[in-house]
Amino acid sequence: MTTTLPAAPPRRPRLSPATWDVVVAVVLLVLLWQLVAGVLLPGSMAVSSPVDVAVQAWADRGLLLRNTWATCQVAVAGFATGNLLAVVLAVGFVLSPLADRVLSQFALALYALPTLVLAPILKVFLDPESTRVTVAALVVFFPTLVSTAAGLRSATPETVDLVRSLGGTRWTVLHRVRLRGALPGLFSGLRVAVPGALLGAIAGEWLGADTGLGIFMVTRWAT
């Protein structure tokens, strides 16, 4: 006769310490926000309390959802375009030292210009939708370019020489060694690019758009 042990009760999932840190930080930030709005600056038009913000957001939930969706579409298009161009150009920098010397300086000068300065110039040559996508792409372009290029150059000379000694071409070195070594840097750049794409999309919408969080903010400020 065999004895069947009772099944162990299912374990409830526990939050990781890192998740708890985020939760505590958010709670403290909201409490600090409430303290500033309710105690230090009561009745101020510059700082609204989180309760007032939540109530107004719920009242405007339809408008917020529609405009958020429009901004997300622009941000996704800019994210994909800017990061794709950044990866292609980073590969070109590694394969061609001449392109690295010439185009890297141009990219640095372009990044040094404020986005809100470039946006009106782009608006002259592009339609409004393309302008917003281009602004979002420019914001994410340089961080991904720098992190990807640094990752591609991180391959050790010994590894590159080993692949070449076994008959590998520079394309083999690029595929087998450099691209794989660049993945951590690439993903770091992509992580930074996500909020950058959203901010770029909103900044592009400030110049004129039918829908989007940027134009929604402008019209709310005006009223």
N, C-alpha and C. Protein backbone atom coordinates (compact mmCIF):
# COMPACT_ATOMS: atom_id res chain seq x y z
N MET A 1 0.85 -1.20 0.00
CA MET A 1 0.00 0.00 0.00
C MET A 1 0.89 1.25 0.00
N THR A 2 0.62 2.13 -0.96
CA THR A 2 1.41 3.35 -1.08
C THR A 2 0.66 4.53 -0.49
N THR A 3 1.42 5.41 0.06
CA THR A 3 0.85 6.61 0.67
C THR A 3 1.09 7.81 -0.25
N THR A 4 0.03 8.49 -0.59
CA THR A 4 0.14 9.65 -1.47
C THR A 4 0.26 10.91 -0.62
N LEU A 5 1.36 11.59 -0.81
CA LEU A 5 1.57 12.81 -0.06
C LEU A 5 0.69 13.92 -0.62
N PRO A 6 0.17 14.76 0.22
CA PRO A 6 -0.65 15.88 -0.28
C PRO A 6 0.21 16.85 -1.09
N ALA A 7 -0.41 17.35 -2.13
CA ALA A 7 0.31 18.29 -2.99
C ALA A 7 0.62 19.57 -2.24
N ALA A 8 1.80 20.05 -2.49
CA ALA A 8 2.21 21.30 -1.84
C ALA A 8 1.38 22.44 -2.39
N PRO A 9 0.99 23.35 -1.52
CA PRO A 9 0.21 24.50 -2.01
C PRO A 9 1.04 25.34 -2.97
N PRO A 10 0.41 25.87 -3.98
CA PRO A 10 1.17 26.69 -4.94
C PRO A 10 1.76 27.92 -4.26
N ARG A 11 2.98 28.19 -4.63
CA ARG A 11 3.66 29.34 -4.07
C ARG A 11 3.23 30.60 -4.78
N ARG A 12 2.90 31.60 -4.00
CA ARG A 12 2.52 32.87 -4.58
C ARG A 12 3.77 33.58 -5.11
N PRO A 13 3.66 34.18 -6.30
CA PRO A 13 4.83 34.88 -6.84
C PRO A 13 5.21 36.06 -5.96
N ARG A 14 6.50 36.22 -5.76
CA ARG A 14 7.00 37.31 -4.94
C ARG A 14 7.71 38.33 -5.82
N LEU A 15 7.59 39.57 -5.41
CA LEU A 15 8.27 40.63 -6.14
C LEU A 15 9.76 40.60 -5.82
N SER A 16 10.56 40.84 -6.83
CA SER A 16 12.00 40.87 -6.63
C SER A 16 12.40 42.14 -5.89
N PRO A 17 13.57 42.14 -5.26
CA PRO A 17 14.02 43.37 -4.57
C PRO A 17 14.08 44.58 -5.49
N ALA A 18 14.48 44.35 -6.75
CA ALA A 18 14.55 45.48 -7.68
C ALA A 18 13.16 46.06 -7.94
N THR A 19 12.15 45.19 -8.04
CA THR A 19 10.78 45.66 -8.24
C THR A 19 10.29 46.45 -7.04
N TRP A 20 10.62 45.94 -5.83
CA TRP A 20 10.24 46.67 -4.62
C TRP A 20 10.90 48.04 -4.57
N ASP A 21 12.14 48.13 -5.02
CA ASP A 21 12.82 49.42 -5.06
C ASP A 21 12.08 50.41 -5.95
N VAL A 22 11.63 49.92 -7.10
CA VAL A 22 10.88 50.80 -8.02
C VAL A 22 9.56 51.23 -7.39
N VAL A 23 8.85 50.28 -6.76
CA VAL A 23 7.57 50.61 -6.14
C VAL A 23 7.75 51.66 -5.03
N VAL A 24 8.75 51.44 -4.18
CA VAL A 24 9.01 52.40 -3.10
C VAL A 24 9.40 53.75 -3.65
N ALA A 25 10.21 53.78 -4.68
CA ALA A 25 10.63 55.06 -5.28
C ALA A 25 9.44 55.80 -5.86
N VAL A 26 8.54 55.09 -6.53
CA VAL A 26 7.36 55.74 -7.11
C VAL A 26 6.45 56.29 -6.01
N VAL A 27 6.25 55.51 -4.95
CA VAL A 27 5.40 55.97 -3.85
C VAL A 27 6.00 57.22 -3.19
N LEU A 28 7.30 57.20 -2.95
CA LEU A 28 7.95 58.36 -2.34
C LEU A 28 7.87 59.58 -3.25
N LEU A 29 8.02 59.35 -4.55
CA LEU A 29 7.93 60.47 -5.50
C LEU A 29 6.54 61.08 -5.50
N VAL A 30 5.50 60.25 -5.47
CA VAL A 30 4.13 60.76 -5.44
C VAL A 30 3.86 61.51 -4.14
N LEU A 31 4.36 60.97 -3.01
CA LEU A 31 4.19 61.66 -1.74
C LEU A 31 4.91 63.01 -1.73
N LEU A 32 6.11 63.05 -2.28
CA LEU A 32 6.84 64.32 -2.37
C LEU A 32 6.10 65.31 -3.26
N TRP A 33 5.56 64.82 -4.36
CA TRP A 33 4.78 65.65 -5.27
C TRP A 33 3.56 66.24 -4.54
N GLN A 34 2.86 65.40 -3.79
CA GLN A 34 1.70 65.85 -3.04
C GLN A 34 2.09 66.88 -1.97
N LEU A 35 3.24 66.66 -1.35
CA LEU A 35 3.72 67.59 -0.32
C LEU A 35 4.02 68.96 -0.94
N VAL A 36 4.69 68.95 -2.07
CA VAL A 36 5.03 70.23 -2.72
C VAL A 36 3.76 70.95 -3.17
N ALA A 37 2.83 70.20 -3.81
CA ALA A 37 1.63 70.84 -4.35
C ALA A 37 0.66 71.27 -3.25
N GLY A 38 0.55 70.48 -2.18
CA GLY A 38 -0.46 70.77 -1.16
C GLY A 38 0.02 71.61 0.00
N VAL A 39 1.33 71.58 0.28
CA VAL A 39 1.85 72.28 1.46
C VAL A 39 2.74 73.46 1.07
N LEU A 40 3.71 73.20 0.22
CA LEU A 40 4.67 74.26 -0.12
C LEU A 40 4.10 75.25 -1.12
N LEU A 41 3.33 74.75 -2.10
CA LEU A 41 2.78 75.63 -3.14
C LEU A 41 1.27 75.42 -3.26
N PRO A 42 0.52 75.64 -2.22
CA PRO A 42 -0.93 75.41 -2.30
C PRO A 42 -1.61 76.40 -3.26
N GLY A 43 -2.47 75.88 -4.10
CA GLY A 43 -3.18 76.73 -5.04
C GLY A 43 -2.35 77.24 -6.19
N SER A 44 -1.13 76.72 -6.36
CA SER A 44 -0.27 77.19 -7.43
C SER A 44 -0.75 76.66 -8.78
N MET A 45 -0.67 77.51 -9.81
CA MET A 45 -1.02 77.08 -11.16
C MET A 45 0.11 76.29 -11.81
N ALA A 46 1.31 76.36 -11.22
CA ALA A 46 2.45 75.68 -11.81
C ALA A 46 2.51 74.21 -11.44
N VAL A 47 2.07 73.87 -10.23
CA VAL A 47 2.16 72.49 -9.75
C VAL A 47 0.79 72.06 -9.25
N SER A 48 0.19 71.09 -9.91
CA SER A 48 -1.07 70.51 -9.47
C SER A 48 -0.78 69.25 -8.67
N SER A 49 -1.65 68.94 -7.76
CA SER A 49 -1.46 67.74 -6.94
C SER A 49 -1.71 66.49 -7.78
N PRO A 50 -1.13 65.36 -7.39
CA PRO A 50 -1.38 64.11 -8.14
C PRO A 50 -2.84 63.71 -8.15
N VAL A 51 -3.57 64.06 -7.09
CA VAL A 51 -5.01 63.75 -7.07
C VAL A 51 -5.74 64.53 -8.15
N ASP A 52 -5.44 65.83 -8.26
CA ASP A 52 -6.07 66.66 -9.29
C ASP A 52 -5.71 66.16 -10.69
N VAL A 53 -4.45 65.78 -10.86
CA VAL A 53 -4.02 65.26 -12.17
C VAL A 53 -4.75 63.97 -12.52
N ALA A 54 -4.89 63.09 -11.54
CA ALA A 54 -5.58 61.82 -11.79
C ALA A 54 -7.05 62.05 -12.13
N VAL A 55 -7.71 62.97 -11.41
CA VAL A 55 -9.12 63.27 -11.68
C VAL A 55 -9.30 63.85 -13.08
N GLN A 56 -8.43 64.80 -13.45
CA GLN A 56 -8.53 65.40 -14.78
C GLN A 56 -8.21 64.40 -15.88
N ALA A 57 -7.21 63.52 -15.63
CA ALA A 57 -6.87 62.50 -16.63
C ALA A 57 -8.03 61.54 -16.86
N TRP A 58 -8.74 61.19 -15.80
CA TRP A 58 -9.90 60.31 -15.96
C TRP A 58 -11.02 61.02 -16.72
N ALA A 59 -11.19 62.31 -16.46
CA ALA A 59 -12.23 63.06 -17.17
C ALA A 59 -11.90 63.18 -18.66
N ASP A 60 -10.62 63.26 -18.99
CA ASP A 60 -10.19 63.40 -20.39
C ASP A 60 -9.65 62.09 -20.95
N ARG A 61 -10.08 60.97 -20.41
CA ARG A 61 -9.49 59.69 -20.79
C ARG A 61 -9.66 59.39 -22.28
N GLY A 62 -10.78 59.78 -22.86
CA GLY A 62 -10.97 59.53 -24.29
C GLY A 62 -9.97 60.29 -25.13
N LEU A 63 -9.82 61.59 -24.84
CA LEU A 63 -8.84 62.40 -25.57
C LEU A 63 -7.42 61.91 -25.33
N LEU A 64 -7.11 61.54 -24.09
CA LEU A 64 -5.77 61.08 -23.78
C LEU A 64 -5.43 59.80 -24.54
N LEU A 65 -6.36 58.87 -24.58
CA LEU A 65 -6.11 57.61 -25.28
C LEU A 65 -5.92 57.85 -26.77
N ARG A 66 -6.75 58.67 -27.36
CA ARG A 66 -6.63 58.92 -28.79
C ARG A 66 -5.32 59.63 -29.13
N ASN A 67 -4.97 60.62 -28.34
CA ASN A 67 -3.73 61.36 -28.61
C ASN A 67 -2.49 60.53 -28.27
N THR A 68 -2.58 59.70 -27.23
CA THR A 68 -1.46 58.83 -26.90
C THR A 68 -1.20 57.83 -28.01
N TRP A 69 -2.26 57.28 -28.59
CA TRP A 69 -2.10 56.34 -29.69
C TRP A 69 -1.43 57.00 -30.89
N ALA A 70 -1.83 58.24 -31.20
CA ALA A 70 -1.21 58.96 -32.32
C ALA A 70 0.27 59.22 -32.06
N THR A 71 0.61 59.61 -30.83
CA THR A 71 2.02 59.86 -30.51
C THR A 71 2.83 58.57 -30.54
N CYS A 72 2.25 57.49 -30.06
CA CYS A 72 2.97 56.21 -30.07
C CYS A 72 3.26 55.74 -31.50
N GLN A 73 2.35 55.99 -32.42
CA GLN A 73 2.60 55.61 -33.81
C GLN A 73 3.80 56.37 -34.37
N VAL A 74 3.86 57.67 -34.11
CA VAL A 74 5.00 58.47 -34.57
C VAL A 74 6.29 58.02 -33.88
N ALA A 75 6.20 57.74 -32.58
CA ALA A 75 7.39 57.32 -31.83
C ALA A 75 7.92 55.99 -32.33
N VAL A 76 7.04 55.05 -32.64
CA VAL A 76 7.49 53.75 -33.14
C VAL A 76 8.16 53.90 -34.50
N ALA A 77 7.57 54.72 -35.38
CA ALA A 77 8.17 54.93 -36.69
C ALA A 77 9.54 55.61 -36.56
N GLY A 78 9.64 56.61 -35.70
CA GLY A 78 10.93 57.27 -35.49
C GLY A 78 11.94 56.36 -34.83
N PHE A 79 11.49 55.55 -33.88
CA PHE A 79 12.37 54.59 -33.21
C PHE A 79 12.97 53.61 -34.21
N ALA A 80 12.14 53.05 -35.07
CA ALA A 80 12.62 52.08 -36.04
C ALA A 80 13.55 52.73 -37.06
N THR A 81 13.16 53.89 -37.56
CA THR A 81 13.96 54.56 -38.58
C THR A 81 15.32 55.01 -38.04
N GLY A 82 15.30 55.69 -36.91
CA GLY A 82 16.55 56.19 -36.34
C GLY A 82 17.51 55.10 -35.93
N ASN A 83 17.00 54.04 -35.32
CA ASN A 83 17.88 52.96 -34.89
C ASN A 83 18.42 52.15 -36.07
N LEU A 84 17.60 51.95 -37.09
CA LEU A 84 18.08 51.23 -38.27
C LEU A 84 19.21 52.00 -38.95
N LEU A 85 19.02 53.30 -39.14
CA LEU A 85 20.09 54.11 -39.74
C LEU A 85 21.34 54.13 -38.86
N ALA A 86 21.15 54.16 -37.54
CA ALA A 86 22.30 54.19 -36.63
C ALA A 86 23.11 52.91 -36.72
N VAL A 87 22.45 51.77 -36.78
CA VAL A 87 23.16 50.49 -36.87
C VAL A 87 23.90 50.38 -38.19
N VAL A 88 23.22 50.77 -39.28
CA VAL A 88 23.87 50.70 -40.60
C VAL A 88 25.09 51.61 -40.65
N LEU A 89 24.96 52.81 -40.11
CA LEU A 89 26.08 53.75 -40.14
C LEU A 89 27.21 53.28 -39.22
N ALA A 90 26.88 52.68 -38.09
CA ALA A 90 27.91 52.17 -37.19
C ALA A 90 28.71 51.05 -37.87
N VAL A 91 28.03 50.18 -38.60
CA VAL A 91 28.73 49.13 -39.35
C VAL A 91 29.63 49.76 -40.41
N GLY A 92 29.12 50.81 -41.07
CA GLY A 92 29.94 51.50 -42.06
C GLY A 92 31.17 52.14 -41.45
N PHE A 93 31.06 52.67 -40.24
CA PHE A 93 32.21 53.27 -39.57
C PHE A 93 33.30 52.22 -39.32
N VAL A 94 32.89 51.02 -38.93
CA VAL A 94 33.86 49.97 -38.62
C VAL A 94 34.53 49.45 -39.90
N LEU A 95 33.75 49.34 -40.97
CA LEU A 95 34.30 48.80 -42.22
C LEU A 95 35.11 49.83 -42.99
N SER A 96 34.82 51.12 -42.81
CA SER A 96 35.51 52.15 -43.57
C SER A 96 36.04 53.23 -42.64
N PRO A 97 37.34 53.26 -42.37
CA PRO A 97 37.91 54.33 -41.52
C PRO A 97 37.66 55.72 -42.09
N LEU A 98 37.63 55.85 -43.42
CA LEU A 98 37.37 57.16 -44.02
C LEU A 98 35.96 57.64 -43.67
N ALA A 99 34.99 56.76 -43.79
CA ALA A 99 33.61 57.12 -43.41
C ALA A 99 33.53 57.47 -41.93
N ASP A 100 34.30 56.78 -41.12
CA ASP A 100 34.32 57.07 -39.69
C ASP A 100 34.83 58.47 -39.43
N ARG A 101 35.92 58.85 -40.08
CA ARG A 101 36.51 60.17 -39.84
C ARG A 101 35.60 61.30 -40.33
N VAL A 102 34.93 61.08 -41.45
CA VAL A 102 34.13 62.15 -42.05
C VAL A 102 32.73 62.22 -41.45
N LEU A 103 32.03 61.11 -41.50
CA LEU A 103 30.62 61.11 -41.11
C LEU A 103 30.42 61.19 -39.60
N SER A 104 31.38 60.68 -38.83
CA SER A 104 31.20 60.76 -37.37
C SER A 104 31.22 62.21 -36.89
N GLN A 105 32.04 63.04 -37.52
CA GLN A 105 32.06 64.45 -37.15
C GLN A 105 30.76 65.15 -37.55
N PHE A 106 30.23 64.75 -38.70
CA PHE A 106 28.95 65.33 -39.13
C PHE A 106 27.83 64.91 -38.19
N ALA A 107 27.84 63.64 -37.78
CA ALA A 107 26.81 63.16 -36.86
C ALA A 107 26.92 63.85 -35.51
N LEU A 108 28.14 64.10 -35.06
CA LEU A 108 28.34 64.80 -33.78
C LEU A 108 27.83 66.23 -33.86
N ALA A 109 28.11 66.90 -34.97
CA ALA A 109 27.62 68.28 -35.14
C ALA A 109 26.10 68.31 -35.22
N LEU A 110 25.52 67.32 -35.87
CA LEU A 110 24.05 67.26 -35.95
C LEU A 110 23.44 67.03 -34.58
N TYR A 111 24.08 66.19 -33.78
CA TYR A 111 23.56 65.91 -32.44
C TYR A 111 23.68 67.12 -31.52
N ALA A 112 24.70 67.96 -31.77
CA ALA A 112 24.91 69.13 -30.92
C ALA A 112 23.82 70.19 -31.14
N LEU A 113 23.15 70.16 -32.28
CA LEU A 113 22.10 71.14 -32.54
C LEU A 113 20.84 70.77 -31.77
N PRO A 114 20.19 71.73 -31.13
CA PRO A 114 18.94 71.43 -30.42
C PRO A 114 17.88 70.92 -31.39
N THR A 115 17.11 69.96 -30.94
CA THR A 115 16.08 69.37 -31.79
C THR A 115 15.05 70.40 -32.20
N LEU A 116 14.68 71.28 -31.28
CA LEU A 116 13.67 72.28 -31.60
C LEU A 116 14.17 73.32 -32.58
N VAL A 117 15.48 73.38 -32.82
CA VAL A 117 16.03 74.26 -33.86
C VAL A 117 15.93 73.58 -35.22
N LEU A 118 16.18 72.28 -35.25
CA LEU A 118 16.13 71.55 -36.52
C LEU A 118 14.70 71.33 -37.00
N ALA A 119 13.77 71.19 -36.07
CA ALA A 119 12.41 70.85 -36.45
C ALA A 119 11.77 71.87 -37.40
N PRO A 120 11.86 73.18 -37.14
CA PRO A 120 11.26 74.12 -38.11
C PRO A 120 11.91 74.05 -39.49
N ILE A 121 13.22 73.75 -39.53
CA ILE A 121 13.89 73.63 -40.83
C ILE A 121 13.37 72.41 -41.57
N LEU A 122 13.20 71.30 -40.85
CA LEU A 122 12.67 70.10 -41.48
C LEU A 122 11.25 70.31 -41.98
N LYS A 123 10.49 71.14 -41.26
CA LYS A 123 9.10 71.38 -41.64
C LYS A 123 8.99 72.07 -42.99
N VAL A 124 10.03 72.81 -43.38
CA VAL A 124 10.02 73.49 -44.67
C VAL A 124 10.09 72.48 -45.82
N PHE A 125 10.85 71.39 -45.61
CA PHE A 125 11.09 70.44 -46.70
C PHE A 125 10.20 69.19 -46.62
N LEU A 126 9.63 68.91 -45.47
CA LEU A 126 8.87 67.69 -45.29
C LEU A 126 7.43 68.00 -44.91
N ASP A 127 6.55 67.03 -45.13
CA ASP A 127 5.18 67.18 -44.68
C ASP A 127 5.12 67.01 -43.16
N PRO A 128 4.02 67.41 -42.52
CA PRO A 128 3.97 67.36 -41.05
C PRO A 128 4.22 65.98 -40.47
N GLU A 129 3.66 64.93 -41.07
CA GLU A 129 3.86 63.58 -40.53
C GLU A 129 5.32 63.17 -40.61
N SER A 130 5.96 63.42 -41.76
CA SER A 130 7.37 63.06 -41.92
C SER A 130 8.26 63.88 -40.99
N THR A 131 7.88 65.13 -40.74
CA THR A 131 8.66 65.97 -39.82
C THR A 131 8.67 65.38 -38.42
N ARG A 132 7.51 64.94 -37.94
CA ARG A 132 7.43 64.39 -36.59
C ARG A 132 8.23 63.09 -36.49
N VAL A 133 8.15 62.25 -37.51
CA VAL A 133 8.90 61.00 -37.50
C VAL A 133 10.40 61.28 -37.55
N THR A 134 10.80 62.26 -38.36
CA THR A 134 12.22 62.60 -38.49
C THR A 134 12.78 63.16 -37.18
N VAL A 135 12.01 63.99 -36.51
CA VAL A 135 12.46 64.53 -35.22
C VAL A 135 12.66 63.40 -34.21
N ALA A 136 11.70 62.47 -34.14
CA ALA A 136 11.85 61.32 -33.24
C ALA A 136 13.06 60.46 -33.62
N ALA A 137 13.28 60.29 -34.93
CA ALA A 137 14.42 59.49 -35.38
C ALA A 137 15.75 60.16 -35.02
N LEU A 138 15.81 61.48 -35.13
CA LEU A 138 17.05 62.19 -34.80
C LEU A 138 17.38 62.07 -33.32
N VAL A 139 16.36 62.07 -32.47
CA VAL A 139 16.61 61.98 -31.03
C VAL A 139 17.22 60.63 -30.67
N VAL A 140 16.77 59.54 -31.31
CA VAL A 140 17.26 58.21 -30.95
C VAL A 140 18.51 57.82 -31.73
N PHE A 141 18.82 58.55 -32.79
CA PHE A 141 19.88 58.14 -33.70
C PHE A 141 21.25 58.12 -33.04
N PHE A 142 21.64 59.21 -32.41
CA PHE A 142 23.02 59.32 -31.94
C PHE A 142 23.35 58.38 -30.78
N PRO A 143 22.50 58.23 -29.76
CA PRO A 143 22.84 57.27 -28.69
C PRO A 143 23.03 55.84 -29.21
N THR A 144 22.16 55.41 -30.12
CA THR A 144 22.32 54.07 -30.68
C THR A 144 23.57 53.98 -31.54
N LEU A 145 23.88 55.03 -32.29
CA LEU A 145 25.08 55.04 -33.12
C LEU A 145 26.33 54.89 -32.26
N VAL A 146 26.43 55.65 -31.19
CA VAL A 146 27.62 55.62 -30.35
C VAL A 146 27.77 54.27 -29.66
N SER A 147 26.69 53.76 -29.06
CA SER A 147 26.78 52.50 -28.33
C SER A 147 27.04 51.32 -29.26
N THR A 148 26.45 51.33 -30.45
CA THR A 148 26.68 50.23 -31.40
C THR A 148 28.09 50.27 -31.95
N ALA A 149 28.57 51.46 -32.32
CA ALA A 149 29.93 51.57 -32.84
C ALA A 149 30.96 51.15 -31.79
N ALA A 150 30.74 51.54 -30.54
CA ALA A 150 31.65 51.12 -29.47
C ALA A 150 31.62 49.61 -29.29
N GLY A 151 30.43 49.01 -29.39
CA GLY A 151 30.35 47.57 -29.28
C GLY A 151 31.03 46.84 -30.42
N LEU A 152 30.90 47.37 -31.63
CA LEU A 152 31.55 46.75 -32.78
C LEU A 152 33.08 46.81 -32.67
N ARG A 153 33.58 47.87 -32.04
CA ARG A 153 35.03 48.01 -31.89
C ARG A 153 35.57 47.28 -30.66
N SER A 154 34.68 46.69 -29.88
CA SER A 154 35.13 46.06 -28.64
C SER A 154 35.76 44.68 -28.85
N ALA A 155 35.69 44.14 -30.05
CA ALA A 155 36.30 42.83 -30.31
C ALA A 155 37.81 42.91 -30.13
N THR A 156 38.38 41.95 -29.45
CA THR A 156 39.82 41.95 -29.19
C THR A 156 40.59 41.65 -30.47
N PRO A 157 41.77 42.24 -30.66
CA PRO A 157 42.56 41.95 -31.86
C PRO A 157 42.91 40.46 -31.99
N GLU A 158 43.09 39.77 -30.87
CA GLU A 158 43.41 38.34 -30.94
C GLU A 158 42.28 37.55 -31.57
N THR A 159 41.04 37.87 -31.21
CA THR A 159 39.89 37.16 -31.79
C THR A 159 39.77 37.45 -33.28
N VAL A 160 39.95 38.70 -33.66
CA VAL A 160 39.88 39.06 -35.08
C VAL A 160 40.99 38.35 -35.85
N ASP A 161 42.22 38.32 -35.33
CA ASP A 161 43.32 37.66 -36.02
C ASP A 161 43.08 36.16 -36.13
N LEU A 162 42.45 35.56 -35.11
CA LEU A 162 42.17 34.13 -35.16
C LEU A 162 41.19 33.80 -36.28
N VAL A 163 40.13 34.58 -36.40
CA VAL A 163 39.15 34.33 -37.45
C VAL A 163 39.78 34.53 -38.82
N ARG A 164 40.61 35.55 -38.97
CA ARG A 164 41.26 35.79 -40.26
C ARG A 164 42.27 34.71 -40.60
N SER A 165 42.96 34.19 -39.59
CA SER A 165 43.93 33.12 -39.84
C SER A 165 43.25 31.83 -40.29
N LEU A 166 41.98 31.67 -39.94
CA LEU A 166 41.23 30.49 -40.37
C LEU A 166 40.53 30.71 -41.71
N GLY A 167 40.88 31.79 -42.39
CA GLY A 167 40.32 32.05 -43.71
C GLY A 167 39.10 32.95 -43.73
N GLY A 168 38.77 33.56 -42.62
CA GLY A 168 37.60 34.42 -42.57
C GLY A 168 37.85 35.77 -43.20
N THR A 169 36.88 36.25 -43.96
CA THR A 169 36.95 37.57 -44.55
C THR A 169 36.52 38.63 -43.53
N ARG A 170 36.59 39.88 -43.94
CA ARG A 170 36.17 40.93 -43.00
C ARG A 170 34.67 40.87 -42.74
N TRP A 171 33.89 40.31 -43.70
CA TRP A 171 32.47 40.10 -43.47
C TRP A 171 32.24 38.99 -42.45
N THR A 172 33.11 37.97 -42.51
CA THR A 172 33.02 36.91 -41.51
C THR A 172 33.34 37.46 -40.12
N VAL A 173 34.38 38.29 -40.06
CA VAL A 173 34.74 38.91 -38.79
C VAL A 173 33.59 39.78 -38.28
N LEU A 174 32.96 40.51 -39.20
CA LEU A 174 31.85 41.37 -38.80
C LEU A 174 30.69 40.55 -38.26
N HIS A 175 30.37 39.46 -38.94
CA HIS A 175 29.20 38.67 -38.55
C HIS A 175 29.47 37.81 -37.32
N ARG A 176 30.64 37.14 -37.33
CA ARG A 176 30.92 36.18 -36.27
C ARG A 176 31.45 36.81 -34.99
N VAL A 177 32.12 37.94 -35.11
CA VAL A 177 32.81 38.51 -33.95
C VAL A 177 32.21 39.86 -33.55
N ARG A 178 32.25 40.82 -34.48
CA ARG A 178 31.92 42.18 -34.11
C ARG A 178 30.42 42.36 -33.79
N LEU A 179 29.55 41.83 -34.64
CA LEU A 179 28.12 42.01 -34.40
C LEU A 179 27.67 41.34 -33.11
N ARG A 180 28.21 40.18 -32.83
CA ARG A 180 27.84 39.50 -31.58
C ARG A 180 28.36 40.26 -30.37
N GLY A 181 29.56 40.80 -30.48
CA GLY A 181 30.10 41.58 -29.37
C GLY A 181 29.39 42.91 -29.18
N ALA A 182 28.73 43.39 -30.24
CA ALA A 182 28.06 44.69 -30.16
C ALA A 182 26.66 44.60 -29.57
N LEU A 183 26.13 43.39 -29.37
CA LEU A 183 24.75 43.25 -28.90
C LEU A 183 24.49 43.93 -27.56
N PRO A 184 25.37 43.78 -26.54
CA PRO A 184 25.09 44.50 -25.28
C PRO A 184 25.01 46.01 -25.46
N GLY A 185 25.94 46.56 -26.22
CA GLY A 185 25.90 48.00 -26.46
C GLY A 185 24.69 48.41 -27.26
N LEU A 186 24.31 47.59 -28.25
CA LEU A 186 23.14 47.90 -29.05
C LEU A 186 21.87 47.93 -28.20
N PHE A 187 21.71 46.93 -27.33
CA PHE A 187 20.52 46.89 -26.49
C PHE A 187 20.51 48.03 -25.47
N SER A 188 21.68 48.44 -25.01
CA SER A 188 21.74 49.60 -24.13
C SER A 188 21.27 50.86 -24.85
N GLY A 189 21.72 51.01 -26.09
CA GLY A 189 21.27 52.16 -26.88
C GLY A 189 19.79 52.13 -27.16
N LEU A 190 19.25 50.95 -27.45
CA LEU A 190 17.81 50.83 -27.70
C LEU A 190 17.00 51.16 -26.46
N ARG A 191 17.51 50.78 -25.30
CA ARG A 191 16.79 51.09 -24.07
C ARG A 191 16.73 52.59 -23.83
N VAL A 192 17.82 53.28 -24.13
CA VAL A 192 17.82 54.74 -23.99
C VAL A 192 16.93 55.38 -25.06
N ALA A 193 16.84 54.74 -26.22
CA ALA A 193 16.10 55.32 -27.34
C ALA A 193 14.60 55.29 -27.15
N VAL A 194 14.08 54.40 -26.31
CA VAL A 194 12.62 54.30 -26.15
C VAL A 194 12.02 55.60 -25.62
N PRO A 195 12.46 56.12 -24.47
CA PRO A 195 11.90 57.41 -24.04
C PRO A 195 12.28 58.54 -24.96
N GLY A 196 13.46 58.44 -25.60
CA GLY A 196 13.86 59.49 -26.53
C GLY A 196 12.92 59.59 -27.72
N ALA A 197 12.45 58.45 -28.22
CA ALA A 197 11.51 58.47 -29.34
C ALA A 197 10.20 59.13 -28.95
N LEU A 198 9.72 58.85 -27.74
CA LEU A 198 8.48 59.48 -27.28
C LEU A 198 8.64 60.99 -27.13
N LEU A 199 9.76 61.41 -26.54
CA LEU A 199 10.00 62.84 -26.37
C LEU A 199 10.16 63.54 -27.72
N GLY A 200 10.84 62.87 -28.66
CA GLY A 200 10.99 63.45 -29.98
C GLY A 200 9.67 63.57 -30.71
N ALA A 201 8.81 62.57 -30.57
CA ALA A 201 7.49 62.63 -31.20
C ALA A 201 6.67 63.78 -30.63
N ILE A 202 6.71 63.95 -29.31
CA ILE A 202 5.96 65.04 -28.68
C ILE A 202 6.52 66.39 -29.11
N ALA A 203 7.85 66.50 -29.18
CA ALA A 203 8.46 67.76 -29.60
C ALA A 203 8.08 68.09 -31.04
N GLY A 204 8.03 67.08 -31.91
CA GLY A 204 7.61 67.32 -33.29
C GLY A 204 6.16 67.76 -33.39
N GLU A 205 5.33 67.26 -32.49
CA GLU A 205 3.91 67.64 -32.51
C GLU A 205 3.68 69.06 -32.02
N TRP A 206 4.62 69.60 -31.27
CA TRP A 206 4.47 70.99 -30.82
C TRP A 206 4.44 71.96 -32.00
N LEU A 207 5.07 71.58 -33.11
CA LEU A 207 5.14 72.46 -34.26
C LEU A 207 3.86 72.43 -35.09
N GLY A 208 2.98 71.54 -34.77
CA GLY A 208 1.73 71.47 -35.52
C GLY A 208 1.35 70.04 -35.83
N ALA A 209 0.17 69.65 -35.38
CA ALA A 209 -0.34 68.32 -35.65
C ALA A 209 -1.83 68.33 -35.36
N ASP A 210 -2.53 67.39 -35.96
CA ASP A 210 -3.97 67.28 -35.71
C ASP A 210 -4.24 66.53 -34.41
N THR A 211 -3.47 65.48 -34.17
CA THR A 211 -3.61 64.69 -32.95
C THR A 211 -2.24 64.39 -32.38
N GLY A 212 -2.21 64.01 -31.11
CA GLY A 212 -0.95 63.69 -30.46
C GLY A 212 -0.84 64.39 -29.12
N LEU A 213 0.00 63.85 -28.25
CA LEU A 213 0.15 64.44 -26.92
C LEU A 213 0.75 65.84 -26.98
N GLY A 214 1.61 66.09 -27.97
CA GLY A 214 2.23 67.40 -28.07
C GLY A 214 1.21 68.49 -28.34
N ILE A 215 0.39 68.31 -29.36
CA ILE A 215 -0.62 69.32 -29.68
C ILE A 215 -1.70 69.35 -28.60
N PHE A 216 -1.94 68.22 -27.95
CA PHE A 216 -2.90 68.19 -26.84
C PHE A 216 -2.41 69.06 -25.69
N MET A 217 -1.11 69.00 -25.40
CA MET A 217 -0.53 69.85 -24.36
C MET A 217 -0.62 71.32 -24.73
N VAL A 218 -0.34 71.63 -26.00
CA VAL A 218 -0.38 73.03 -26.45
C VAL A 218 -1.79 73.59 -26.31
N THR A 219 -2.78 72.84 -26.75
CA THR A 219 -4.16 73.35 -26.67
C THR A 219 -4.62 73.48 -25.22
N ARG A 220 -4.16 72.58 -24.35
CA ARG A 220 -4.53 72.68 -22.93
C ARG A 220 -3.88 73.89 -22.29
N TRP A 221 -2.62 74.15 -22.64
CA TRP A 221 -1.97 75.35 -22.09
C TRP A 221 -2.68 76.62 -22.54
N ALA A 222 -3.16 76.61 -23.79
CA ALA A 222 -3.82 77.79 -24.33
C ALA A 222 -5.16 78.07 -23.66
N THR A 223 -5.76 77.00 -23.14
CA THR A 223 -7.06 77.18 -22.49
C THR A 223 -6.92 77.20 -20.96
